[in-house]
Amino acid sequence: NINTMGWYRQAPGKQRELVASITSGGRTNTADSVKGRFTISRDNAKN
């Protein structure tokens, strides 16, 4: 059963960082570096 989904990114020579996440209830969290530019969403019917 899937709860939280998210996106991470890793640039060359850098550590992996959290970009955005979204809970099963639709609560989102985004990194300050992408806030206002990136939007995370989910389609539960399509997982």
ModelCIF file with pLDDT and N, C-alpha, C, O atoms, coordinates in Angstrom:
data_MODEL
#
_entry.id   MODEL 
#
_entity.id                         1 
_entity.type                       polymer 
_entity.pdbx_number_of_molecules   1 
#
_entity_poly.entity_id                      1 
_entity_poly.type                           'polypeptide(L)' 
_entity_poly.nstd_linkage                   no 
_entity_poly.nstd_monomer                   no 
_entity_poly.pdbx_seq_one_letter_code       NINTMGWYRQAPGKQRELVASITSGGRTNTADSVKGRFTISRDNAKN 
_entity_poly.pdbx_seq_one_letter_code_can   NINTMGWYRQAPGKQRELVASITSGGRTNTADSVKGRFTISRDNAKN 
_entity_poly.pdbx_strand_id                 A 
#
loop_
_entity_poly_seq.entity_id 
_entity_poly_seq.num 
_entity_poly_seq.mon_id 
_entity_poly_seq.hetero 
1 1  ASN n 
1 2  ILE n 
1 3  ASN n 
1 4  THR n 
1 5  MET n 
1 6  GLY n 
1 7  TRP n 
1 8  TYR n 
1 9  ARG n 
1 10 GLN n 
1 11 ALA n 
1 12 PRO n 
1 13 GLY n 
1 14 LYS n 
1 15 GLN n 
1 16 ARG n 
1 17 GLU n 
1 18 LEU n 
1 19 VAL n 
1 20 ALA n 
1 21 SER n 
1 22 ILE n 
1 23 THR n 
1 24 SER n 
1 25 GLY n 
1 26 GLY n 
1 27 ARG n 
1 28 THR n 
1 29 ASN n 
1 30 THR n 
1 31 ALA n 
1 32 ASP n 
1 33 SER n 
1 34 VAL n 
1 35 LYS n 
1 36 GLY n 
1 37 ARG n 
1 38 PHE n 
1 39 THR n 
1 40 ILE n 
1 41 SER n 
1 42 ARG n 
1 43 ASP n 
1 44 ASN n 
1 45 ALA n 
1 46 LYS n 
1 47 ASN n 
#
_struct_asym.id          A 
_struct_asym.entity_id   1 
#
loop_
_ma_qa_metric.id 
_ma_qa_metric.mode 
_ma_qa_metric.name 
_ma_qa_metric.software_group_id 
_ma_qa_metric.type 
1 global pLDDT . pLDDT 
2 local  pLDDT . pLDDT 
#
_ma_qa_metric_global.metric_id      1 
_ma_qa_metric_global.metric_value   95.26 
_ma_qa_metric_global.model_id       1 
_ma_qa_metric_global.ordinal_id     1 
#
loop_
_ma_qa_metric_local.label_asym_id 
_ma_qa_metric_local.label_comp_id 
_ma_qa_metric_local.label_seq_id 
_ma_qa_metric_local.metric_id 
_ma_qa_metric_local.metric_value 
_ma_qa_metric_local.model_id 
_ma_qa_metric_local.ordinal_id 
A ASN 1  2 88.00 1 1  
A ILE 2  2 89.00 1 2  
A ASN 3  2 92.00 1 3  
A THR 4  2 95.00 1 4  
A MET 5  2 95.00 1 5  
A GLY 6  2 96.00 1 6  
A TRP 7  2 98.00 1 7  
A TYR 8  2 98.00 1 8  
A ARG 9  2 98.00 1 9  
A GLN 10 2 98.00 1 10 
A ALA 11 2 97.00 1 11 
A PRO 12 2 91.00 1 12 
A GLY 13 2 93.00 1 13 
A LYS 14 2 95.00 1 14 
A GLN 15 2 96.00 1 15 
A ARG 16 2 96.00 1 16 
A GLU 17 2 97.00 1 17 
A LEU 18 2 97.00 1 18 
A VAL 19 2 98.00 1 19 
A ALA 20 2 98.00 1 20 
A SER 21 2 98.00 1 21 
A ILE 22 2 97.00 1 22 
A THR 23 2 95.00 1 23 
A SER 24 2 91.00 1 24 
A GLY 25 2 91.00 1 25 
A GLY 26 2 94.00 1 26 
A ARG 27 2 96.00 1 27 
A THR 28 2 98.00 1 28 
A ASN 29 2 97.00 1 29 
A THR 30 2 98.00 1 30 
A ALA 31 2 98.00 1 31 
A ASP 32 2 97.00 1 32 
A SER 33 2 96.00 1 33 
A VAL 34 2 97.00 1 34 
A LYS 35 2 97.00 1 35 
A GLY 36 2 97.00 1 36 
A ARG 37 2 98.00 1 37 
A PHE 38 2 98.00 1 38 
A THR 39 2 98.00 1 39 
A ILE 40 2 98.00 1 40 
A SER 41 2 97.00 1 41 
A ARG 42 2 96.00 1 42 
A ASP 43 2 93.00 1 43 
A ASN 44 2 88.00 1 44 
A ALA 45 2 88.00 1 45 
A LYS 46 2 90.00 1 46 
A ASN 47 2 91.00 1 47 
#
loop_
_atom_site.group_PDB 
_atom_site.id 
_atom_site.type_symbol 
_atom_site.label_atom_id 
_atom_site.label_alt_id 
_atom_site.label_comp_id 
_atom_site.label_asym_id 
_atom_site.label_entity_id 
_atom_site.label_seq_id 
_atom_site.pdbx_PDB_ins_code 
_atom_site.Cartn_x 
_atom_site.Cartn_y 
_atom_site.Cartn_z 
_atom_site.occupancy 
_atom_site.B_iso_or_equiv 
_atom_site.pdbx_formal_charge 
_atom_site.auth_seq_id 
_atom_site.auth_comp_id 
_atom_site.auth_asym_id 
_atom_site.auth_atom_id 
_atom_site.pdbx_PDB_model_num 
ATOM 1   N N  . ASN A 1 1  ? 0.848  -1.189 0.000   1.00 88.00 ? 1  ASN A N  1 
ATOM 2   C CA . ASN A 1 1  ? 0.000  0.000  0.000   1.00 88.00 ? 1  ASN A CA 1 
ATOM 3   C C  . ASN A 1 1  ? 0.882  1.237  0.000   1.00 88.00 ? 1  ASN A C  1 
ATOM 4   O O  . ASN A 1 1  ? 1.677  1.445  0.917   1.00 88.00 ? 1  ASN A O  1 
ATOM 5   N N  . ILE A 1 2  ? 0.738  2.046  -1.021  1.00 89.00 ? 2  ILE A N  1 
ATOM 6   C CA . ILE A 1 2  ? 1.568  3.228  -1.190  1.00 89.00 ? 2  ILE A CA 1 
ATOM 7   C C  . ILE A 1 2  ? 1.064  4.362  -0.312  1.00 89.00 ? 2  ILE A C  1 
ATOM 8   O O  . ILE A 1 2  ? -0.124 4.683  -0.302  1.00 89.00 ? 2  ILE A O  1 
ATOM 9   N N  . ASN A 1 3  ? 1.974  4.949  0.410   1.00 92.00 ? 3  ASN A N  1 
ATOM 10  C CA . ASN A 1 3  ? 1.652  6.105  1.233   1.00 92.00 ? 3  ASN A CA 1 
ATOM 11  C C  . ASN A 1 3  ? 2.238  7.369  0.604   1.00 92.00 ? 3  ASN A C  1 
ATOM 12  O O  . ASN A 1 3  ? 1.561  8.062  -0.156  1.00 92.00 ? 3  ASN A O  1 
ATOM 13  N N  . THR A 1 4  ? 3.475  7.660  0.917   1.00 95.00 ? 4  THR A N  1 
ATOM 14  C CA . THR A 1 4  ? 4.107  8.866  0.414   1.00 95.00 ? 4  THR A CA 1 
ATOM 15  C C  . THR A 1 4  ? 4.860  8.590  -0.882  1.00 95.00 ? 4  THR A C  1 
ATOM 16  O O  . THR A 1 4  ? 5.547  7.578  -1.015  1.00 95.00 ? 4  THR A O  1 
ATOM 17  N N  . MET A 1 5  ? 4.717  9.502  -1.828  1.00 95.00 ? 5  MET A N  1 
ATOM 18  C CA . MET A 1 5  ? 5.477  9.482  -3.064  1.00 95.00 ? 5  MET A CA 1 
ATOM 19  C C  . MET A 1 5  ? 6.318  10.748 -3.137  1.00 95.00 ? 5  MET A C  1 
ATOM 20  O O  . MET A 1 5  ? 5.927  11.796 -2.623  1.00 95.00 ? 5  MET A O  1 
ATOM 21  N N  . GLY A 1 6  ? 7.457  10.642 -3.768  1.00 96.00 ? 6  GLY A N  1 
ATOM 22  C CA . GLY A 1 6  ? 8.308  11.813 -3.841  1.00 96.00 ? 6  GLY A CA 1 
ATOM 23  C C  . GLY A 1 6  ? 9.297  11.748 -4.974  1.00 96.00 ? 6  GLY A C  1 
ATOM 24  O O  . GLY A 1 6  ? 9.457  10.731 -5.647  1.00 96.00 ? 6  GLY A O  1 
ATOM 25  N N  . TRP A 1 7  ? 9.955  12.873 -5.159  1.00 98.00 ? 7  TRP A N  1 
ATOM 26  C CA . TRP A 1 7  ? 10.993 13.003 -6.160  1.00 98.00 ? 7  TRP A CA 1 
ATOM 27  C C  . TRP A 1 7  ? 12.262 13.521 -5.508  1.00 98.00 ? 7  TRP A C  1 
ATOM 28  O O  . TRP A 1 7  ? 12.233 14.481 -4.739  1.00 98.00 ? 7  TRP A O  1 
ATOM 29  N N  . TYR A 1 8  ? 13.357 12.885 -5.821  1.00 98.00 ? 8  TYR A N  1 
ATOM 30  C CA . TYR A 1 8  ? 14.676 13.316 -5.420  1.00 98.00 ? 8  TYR A CA 1 
ATOM 31  C C  . TYR A 1 8  ? 15.482 13.618 -6.668  1.00 98.00 ? 8  TYR A C  1 
ATOM 32  O O  . TYR A 1 8  ? 15.132 13.193 -7.769  1.00 98.00 ? 8  TYR A O  1 
ATOM 33  N N  . ARG A 1 9  ? 16.551 14.348 -6.486  1.00 98.00 ? 9  ARG A N  1 
ATOM 34  C CA . ARG A 1 9  ? 17.444 14.588 -7.605  1.00 98.00 ? 9  ARG A CA 1 
ATOM 35  C C  . ARG A 1 9  ? 18.881 14.583 -7.124  1.00 98.00 ? 9  ARG A C  1 
ATOM 36  O O  . ARG A 1 9  ? 19.170 14.872 -5.963  1.00 98.00 ? 9  ARG A O  1 
ATOM 37  N N  . GLN A 1 10 ? 19.762 14.254 -8.030  1.00 98.00 ? 10 GLN A N  1 
ATOM 38  C CA . GLN A 1 10 ? 21.177 14.212 -7.722  1.00 98.00 ? 10 GLN A CA 1 
ATOM 39  C C  . GLN A 1 10 ? 21.956 14.768 -8.905  1.00 98.00 ? 10 GLN A C  1 
ATOM 40  O O  . GLN A 1 10 ? 21.942 14.209 -10.001 1.00 98.00 ? 10 GLN A O  1 
ATOM 41  N N  . ALA A 1 11 ? 22.627 15.869 -8.660  1.00 97.00 ? 11 ALA A N  1 
ATOM 42  C CA . ALA A 1 11 ? 23.482 16.475 -9.664  1.00 97.00 ? 11 ALA A CA 1 
ATOM 43  C C  . ALA A 1 11 ? 24.868 15.849 -9.582  1.00 97.00 ? 11 ALA A C  1 
ATOM 44  O O  . ALA A 1 11 ? 25.231 15.299 -8.542  1.00 97.00 ? 11 ALA A O  1 
ATOM 45  N N  . PRO A 1 12 ? 25.642 15.921 -10.650 1.00 91.00 ? 12 PRO A N  1 
ATOM 46  C CA . PRO A 1 12 ? 26.981 15.335 -10.634 1.00 91.00 ? 12 PRO A CA 1 
ATOM 47  C C  . PRO A 1 12 ? 27.828 15.872 -9.495  1.00 91.00 ? 12 PRO A C  1 
ATOM 48  O O  . PRO A 1 12 ? 27.945 17.084 -9.313  1.00 91.00 ? 12 PRO A O  1 
ATOM 49  N N  . GLY A 1 13 ? 28.415 14.970 -8.735  1.00 93.00 ? 13 GLY A N  1 
ATOM 50  C CA . GLY A 1 13 ? 29.284 15.355 -7.638  1.00 93.00 ? 13 GLY A CA 1 
ATOM 51  C C  . GLY A 1 13 ? 28.579 15.837 -6.396  1.00 93.00 ? 13 GLY A C  1 
ATOM 52  O O  . GLY A 1 13 ? 29.236 16.270 -5.449  1.00 93.00 ? 13 GLY A O  1 
ATOM 53  N N  . LYS A 1 14 ? 27.260 15.777 -6.367  1.00 95.00 ? 14 LYS A N  1 
ATOM 54  C CA . LYS A 1 14 ? 26.505 16.239 -5.216  1.00 95.00 ? 14 LYS A CA 1 
ATOM 55  C C  . LYS A 1 14 ? 25.654 15.120 -4.638  1.00 95.00 ? 14 LYS A C  1 
ATOM 56  O O  . LYS A 1 14 ? 25.394 14.109 -5.291  1.00 95.00 ? 14 LYS A O  1 
ATOM 57  N N  . GLN A 1 15 ? 25.231 15.325 -3.404  1.00 96.00 ? 15 GLN A N  1 
ATOM 58  C CA . GLN A 1 15 ? 24.381 14.351 -2.749  1.00 96.00 ? 15 GLN A CA 1 
ATOM 59  C C  . GLN A 1 15 ? 22.946 14.446 -3.256  1.00 96.00 ? 15 GLN A C  1 
ATOM 60  O O  . GLN A 1 15 ? 22.505 15.482 -3.754  1.00 96.00 ? 15 GLN A O  1 
ATOM 61  N N  . ARG A 1 16 ? 22.248 13.357 -3.116  1.00 96.00 ? 16 ARG A N  1 
ATOM 62  C CA . ARG A 1 16 ? 20.853 13.328 -3.499  1.00 96.00 ? 16 ARG A CA 1 
ATOM 63  C C  . ARG A 1 16 ? 20.037 14.185 -2.535  1.00 96.00 ? 16 ARG A C  1 
ATOM 64  O O  . ARG A 1 16 ? 20.243 14.138 -1.322  1.00 96.00 ? 16 ARG A O  1 
ATOM 65  N N  . GLU A 1 17 ? 19.124 14.958 -3.078  1.00 97.00 ? 17 GLU A N  1 
ATOM 66  C CA . GLU A 1 17 ? 18.303 15.837 -2.265  1.00 97.00 ? 17 GLU A CA 1 
ATOM 67  C C  . GLU A 1 17 ? 16.833 15.648 -2.590  1.00 97.00 ? 17 GLU A C  1 
ATOM 68  O O  . GLU A 1 17 ? 16.462 15.299 -3.711  1.00 97.00 ? 17 GLU A O  1 
ATOM 69  N N  . LEU A 1 18 ? 16.018 15.885 -1.598  1.00 97.00 ? 18 LEU A N  1 
ATOM 70  C CA . LEU A 1 18 ? 14.580 15.802 -1.780  1.00 97.00 ? 18 LEU A CA 1 
ATOM 71  C C  . LEU A 1 18 ? 14.093 17.024 -2.542  1.00 97.00 ? 18 LEU A C  1 
ATOM 72  O O  . LEU A 1 18 ? 14.425 18.158 -2.198  1.00 97.00 ? 18 LEU A O  1 
ATOM 73  N N  . VAL A 1 19 ? 13.310 16.784 -3.571  1.00 98.00 ? 19 VAL A N  1 
ATOM 74  C CA . VAL A 1 19 ? 12.717 17.856 -4.362  1.00 98.00 ? 19 VAL A CA 1 
ATOM 75  C C  . VAL A 1 19 ? 11.302 18.145 -3.900  1.00 98.00 ? 19 VAL A C  1 
ATOM 76  O O  . VAL A 1 19 ? 10.951 19.292 -3.624  1.00 98.00 ? 19 VAL A O  1 
ATOM 77  N N  . ALA A 1 20 ? 10.500 17.110 -3.817  1.00 98.00 ? 20 ALA A N  1 
ATOM 78  C CA . ALA A 1 20 ? 9.112  17.269 -3.406  1.00 98.00 ? 20 ALA A CA 1 
ATOM 79  C C  . ALA A 1 20 ? 8.554  15.927 -2.998  1.00 98.00 ? 20 ALA A C  1 
ATOM 80  O O  . ALA A 1 20 ? 9.028  14.881 -3.443  1.00 98.00 ? 20 ALA A O  1 
ATOM 81  N N  . SER A 1 21 ? 7.555  15.961 -2.156  1.00 98.00 ? 21 SER A N  1 
ATOM 82  C CA . SER A 1 21 ? 6.881  14.750 -1.725  1.00 98.00 ? 21 SER A CA 1 
ATOM 83  C C  . SER A 1 21 ? 5.401  15.033 -1.574  1.00 98.00 ? 21 SER A C  1 
ATOM 84  O O  . SER A 1 21 ? 4.977  16.180 -1.434  1.00 98.00 ? 21 SER A O  1 
ATOM 85  N N  . ILE A 1 22 ? 4.632  13.970 -1.605  1.00 97.00 ? 22 ILE A N  1 
ATOM 86  C CA . ILE A 1 22 ? 3.189  14.091 -1.460  1.00 97.00 ? 22 ILE A CA 1 
ATOM 87  C C  . ILE A 1 22 ? 2.667  12.855 -0.750  1.00 97.00 ? 22 ILE A C  1 
ATOM 88  O O  . ILE A 1 22 ? 3.028  11.729 -1.093  1.00 97.00 ? 22 ILE A O  1 
ATOM 89  N N  . THR A 1 23 ? 1.825  13.071 0.232   1.00 95.00 ? 23 THR A N  1 
ATOM 90  C CA . THR A 1 23 ? 1.261  11.971 0.992   1.00 95.00 ? 23 THR A CA 1 
ATOM 91  C C  . THR A 1 23 ? 0.019  11.433 0.304   1.00 95.00 ? 23 THR A C  1 
ATOM 92  O O  . THR A 1 23 ? -0.481 12.015 -0.659  1.00 95.00 ? 23 THR A O  1 
ATOM 93  N N  . SER A 1 24 ? -0.460 10.332 0.809   1.00 91.00 ? 24 SER A N  1 
ATOM 94  C CA . SER A 1 24 ? -1.678 9.746  0.259   1.00 91.00 ? 24 SER A CA 1 
ATOM 95  C C  . SER A 1 24 ? -2.872 10.671 0.429   1.00 91.00 ? 24 SER A C  1 
ATOM 96  O O  . SER A 1 24 ? -3.836 10.593 -0.333  1.00 91.00 ? 24 SER A O  1 
ATOM 97  N N  . GLY A 1 25 ? -2.812 11.546 1.426   1.00 91.00 ? 25 GLY A N  1 
ATOM 98  C CA . GLY A 1 25 ? -3.872 12.507 1.644   1.00 91.00 ? 25 GLY A CA 1 
ATOM 99  C C  . GLY A 1 25 ? -3.734 13.775 0.834   1.00 91.00 ? 25 GLY A C  1 
ATOM 100 O O  . GLY A 1 25 ? -4.590 14.656 0.918   1.00 91.00 ? 25 GLY A O  1 
ATOM 101 N N  . GLY A 1 26 ? -2.671 13.889 0.049   1.00 94.00 ? 26 GLY A N  1 
ATOM 102 C CA . GLY A 1 26 ? -2.491 15.043 -0.806  1.00 94.00 ? 26 GLY A CA 1 
ATOM 103 C C  . GLY A 1 26 ? -1.655 16.158 -0.211  1.00 94.00 ? 26 GLY A C  1 
ATOM 104 O O  . GLY A 1 26 ? -1.513 17.215 -0.826  1.00 94.00 ? 26 GLY A O  1 
ATOM 105 N N  . ARG A 1 27 ? -1.105 15.946 0.960   1.00 96.00 ? 27 ARG A N  1 
ATOM 106 C CA . ARG A 1 27 ? -0.249 16.971 1.551   1.00 96.00 ? 27 ARG A CA 1 
ATOM 107 C C  . ARG A 1 27 ? 1.096  16.973 0.859   1.00 96.00 ? 27 ARG A C  1 
ATOM 108 O O  . ARG A 1 27 ? 1.724  15.926 0.699   1.00 96.00 ? 27 ARG A O  1 
ATOM 109 N N  . THR A 1 28 ? 1.538  18.154 0.449   1.00 98.00 ? 28 THR A N  1 
ATOM 110 C CA . THR A 1 28 ? 2.771  18.275 -0.317  1.00 98.00 ? 28 THR A CA 1 
ATOM 111 C C  . THR A 1 28 ? 3.840  19.016 0.460   1.00 98.00 ? 28 THR A C  1 
ATOM 112 O O  . THR A 1 28 ? 3.559  19.808 1.360   1.00 98.00 ? 28 THR A O  1 
ATOM 113 N N  . ASN A 1 29 ? 5.057  18.736 0.086   1.00 97.00 ? 29 ASN A N  1 
ATOM 114 C CA . ASN A 1 29 ? 6.212  19.410 0.635   1.00 97.00 ? 29 ASN A CA 1 
ATOM 115 C C  . ASN A 1 29 ? 7.219  19.575 -0.496  1.00 97.00 ? 29 ASN A C  1 
ATOM 116 O O  . ASN A 1 29 ? 7.547  18.610 -1.187  1.00 97.00 ? 29 ASN A O  1 
ATOM 117 N N  . THR A 1 30 ? 7.703  20.786 -0.682  1.00 98.00 ? 30 THR A N  1 
ATOM 118 C CA . THR A 1 30 ? 8.642  21.061 -1.754  1.00 98.00 ? 30 THR A CA 1 
ATOM 119 C C  . THR A 1 30 ? 9.859  21.789 -1.212  1.00 98.00 ? 30 THR A C  1 
ATOM 120 O O  . THR A 1 30 ? 9.775  22.547 -0.246  1.00 98.00 ? 30 THR A O  1 
ATOM 121 N N  . ALA A 1 31 ? 10.978 21.545 -1.848  1.00 98.00 ? 31 ALA A N  1 
ATOM 122 C CA . ALA A 1 31 ? 12.202 22.220 -1.462  1.00 98.00 ? 31 ALA A CA 1 
ATOM 123 C C  . ALA A 1 31 ? 12.122 23.698 -1.813  1.00 98.00 ? 31 ALA A C  1 
ATOM 124 O O  . ALA A 1 31 ? 11.479 24.085 -2.789  1.00 98.00 ? 31 ALA A O  1 
ATOM 125 N N  . ASP A 1 32 ? 12.777 24.511 -1.009  1.00 97.00 ? 32 ASP A N  1 
ATOM 126 C CA . ASP A 1 32 ? 12.750 25.946 -1.252  1.00 97.00 ? 32 ASP A CA 1 
ATOM 127 C C  . ASP A 1 32 ? 13.313 26.308 -2.624  1.00 97.00 ? 32 ASP A C  1 
ATOM 128 O O  . ASP A 1 32 ? 12.878 27.279 -3.243  1.00 97.00 ? 32 ASP A O  1 
ATOM 129 N N  . SER A 1 33 ? 14.270 25.532 -3.089  1.00 96.00 ? 33 SER A N  1 
ATOM 130 C CA . SER A 1 33 ? 14.915 25.838 -4.350  1.00 96.00 ? 33 SER A CA 1 
ATOM 131 C C  . SER A 1 33 ? 13.991 25.682 -5.552  1.00 96.00 ? 33 SER A C  1 
ATOM 132 O O  . SER A 1 33 ? 14.257 26.238 -6.618  1.00 96.00 ? 33 SER A O  1 
ATOM 133 N N  . VAL A 1 34 ? 12.915 24.932 -5.387  1.00 97.00 ? 34 VAL A N  1 
ATOM 134 C CA . VAL A 1 34 ? 11.999 24.697 -6.498  1.00 97.00 ? 34 VAL A CA 1 
ATOM 135 C C  . VAL A 1 34 ? 10.600 25.200 -6.218  1.00 97.00 ? 34 VAL A C  1 
ATOM 136 O O  . VAL A 1 34 ? 9.731  25.132 -7.086  1.00 97.00 ? 34 VAL A O  1 
ATOM 137 N N  . LYS A 1 35 ? 10.372 25.701 -5.024  1.00 97.00 ? 35 LYS A N  1 
ATOM 138 C CA . LYS A 1 35 ? 9.048  26.170 -4.648  1.00 97.00 ? 35 LYS A CA 1 
ATOM 139 C C  . LYS A 1 35 ? 8.593  27.292 -5.576  1.00 97.00 ? 35 LYS A C  1 
ATOM 140 O O  . LYS A 1 35 ? 9.333  28.237 -5.848  1.00 97.00 ? 35 LYS A O  1 
ATOM 141 N N  . GLY A 1 36 ? 7.375  27.164 -6.048  1.00 97.00 ? 36 GLY A N  1 
ATOM 142 C CA . GLY A 1 36 ? 6.839  28.127 -6.987  1.00 97.00 ? 36 GLY A CA 1 
ATOM 143 C C  . GLY A 1 36 ? 7.089  27.778 -8.429  1.00 97.00 ? 36 GLY A C  1 
ATOM 144 O O  . GLY A 1 36 ? 6.477  28.362 -9.323  1.00 97.00 ? 36 GLY A O  1 
ATOM 145 N N  . ARG A 1 37 ? 7.981  26.832 -8.675  1.00 98.00 ? 37 ARG A N  1 
ATOM 146 C CA . ARG A 1 37 ? 8.287  26.408 -10.034 1.00 98.00 ? 37 ARG A CA 1 
ATOM 147 C C  . ARG A 1 37 ? 7.881  24.967 -10.299 1.00 98.00 ? 37 ARG A C  1 
ATOM 148 O O  . ARG A 1 37 ? 7.414  24.633 -11.387 1.00 98.00 ? 37 ARG A O  1 
ATOM 149 N N  . PHE A 1 38 ? 8.063  24.116 -9.296  1.00 98.00 ? 38 PHE A N  1 
ATOM 150 C CA . PHE A 1 38 ? 7.736  22.702 -9.431  1.00 98.00 ? 38 PHE A CA 1 
ATOM 151 C C  . PHE A 1 38 ? 6.460  22.392 -8.661  1.00 98.00 ? 38 PHE A C  1 
ATOM 152 O O  . PHE A 1 38 ? 6.201  22.970 -7.605  1.00 98.00 ? 38 PHE A O  1 
ATOM 153 N N  . THR A 1 39 ? 5.682  21.488 -9.192  1.00 98.00 ? 39 THR A N  1 
ATOM 154 C CA . THR A 1 39 ? 4.466  21.043 -8.539  1.00 98.00 ? 39 THR A CA 1 
ATOM 155 C C  . THR A 1 39 ? 4.385  19.530 -8.584  1.00 98.00 ? 39 THR A C  1 
ATOM 156 O O  . THR A 1 39 ? 4.494  18.922 -9.649  1.00 98.00 ? 39 THR A O  1 
ATOM 157 N N  . ILE A 1 40 ? 4.196  18.933 -7.435  1.00 98.00 ? 40 ILE A N  1 
ATOM 158 C CA . ILE A 1 40 ? 4.049  17.494 -7.366  1.00 98.00 ? 40 ILE A CA 1 
ATOM 159 C C  . ILE A 1 40 ? 2.574  17.146 -7.245  1.00 98.00 ? 40 ILE A C  1 
ATOM 160 O O  . ILE A 1 40 ? 1.814  17.847 -6.577  1.00 98.00 ? 40 ILE A O  1 
ATOM 161 N N  . SER A 1 41 ? 2.181  16.076 -7.887  1.00 97.00 ? 41 SER A N  1 
ATOM 162 C CA . SER A 1 41 ? 0.801  15.622 -7.827  1.00 97.00 ? 41 SER A CA 1 
ATOM 163 C C  . SER A 1 41 ? 0.780  14.115 -7.988  1.00 97.00 ? 41 SER A C  1 
ATOM 164 O O  . SER A 1 41 ? 1.793  13.502 -8.323  1.00 97.00 ? 41 SER A O  1 
ATOM 165 N N  . ARG A 1 42 ? -0.375 13.523 -7.749  1.00 96.00 ? 42 ARG A N  1 
ATOM 166 C CA . ARG A 1 42 ? -0.494 12.083 -7.887  1.00 96.00 ? 42 ARG A CA 1 
ATOM 167 C C  . ARG A 1 42 ? -1.880 11.717 -8.376  1.00 96.00 ? 42 ARG A C  1 
ATOM 168 O O  . ARG A 1 42 ? -2.863 12.416 -8.129  1.00 96.00 ? 42 ARG A O  1 
ATOM 169 N N  . ASP A 1 43 ? -1.925 10.621 -9.063  1.00 93.00 ? 43 ASP A N  1 
ATOM 170 C CA . ASP A 1 43 ? -3.164 10.045 -9.540  1.00 93.00 ? 43 ASP A CA 1 
ATOM 171 C C  . ASP A 1 43 ? -3.271 8.669  -8.906  1.00 93.00 ? 43 ASP A C  1 
ATOM 172 O O  . ASP A 1 43 ? -2.636 7.716  -9.356  1.00 93.00 ? 43 ASP A O  1 
ATOM 173 N N  . ASN A 1 44 ? -4.059 8.576  -7.881  1.00 88.00 ? 44 ASN A N  1 
ATOM 174 C CA . ASN A 1 44 ? -4.151 7.318  -7.146  1.00 88.00 ? 44 ASN A CA 1 
ATOM 175 C C  . ASN A 1 44 ? -4.749 6.193  -7.985  1.00 88.00 ? 44 ASN A C  1 
ATOM 176 O O  . ASN A 1 44 ? -4.404 5.025  -7.801  1.00 88.00 ? 44 ASN A O  1 
ATOM 177 N N  . ALA A 1 45 ? -5.640 6.544  -8.901  1.00 88.00 ? 45 ALA A N  1 
ATOM 178 C CA . ALA A 1 45 ? -6.238 5.530  -9.758  1.00 88.00 ? 45 ALA A CA 1 
ATOM 179 C C  . ALA A 1 45 ? -5.202 4.870  -10.650 1.00 88.00 ? 45 ALA A C  1 
ATOM 180 O O  . ALA A 1 45 ? -5.331 3.696  -10.998 1.00 88.00 ? 45 ALA A O  1 
ATOM 181 N N  . LYS A 1 46 ? -4.178 5.621  -11.019 1.00 90.00 ? 46 LYS A N  1 
ATOM 182 C CA . LYS A 1 46 ? -3.120 5.099  -11.871 1.00 90.00 ? 46 LYS A CA 1 
ATOM 183 C C  . LYS A 1 46 ? -1.854 4.751  -11.095 1.00 90.00 ? 46 LYS A C  1 
ATOM 184 O O  . LYS A 1 46 ? -0.872 4.289  -11.675 1.00 90.00 ? 46 LYS A O  1 
ATOM 185 N N  . ASN A 1 47 ? -1.881 4.973  -9.790  1.00 91.00 ? 47 ASN A N  1 
ATOM 186 C CA . ASN A 1 47 ? -0.693 4.759  -8.960  1.00 91.00 ? 47 ASN A CA 1 
ATOM 187 C C  . ASN A 1 47 ? 0.517  5.476  -9.540  1.00 91.00 ? 47 ASN A C  1 
ATOM 188 O O  . ASN A 1 47 ? 1.606  5.407  -8.971  1.00 91.00 ? 47 ASN A O  1 
#
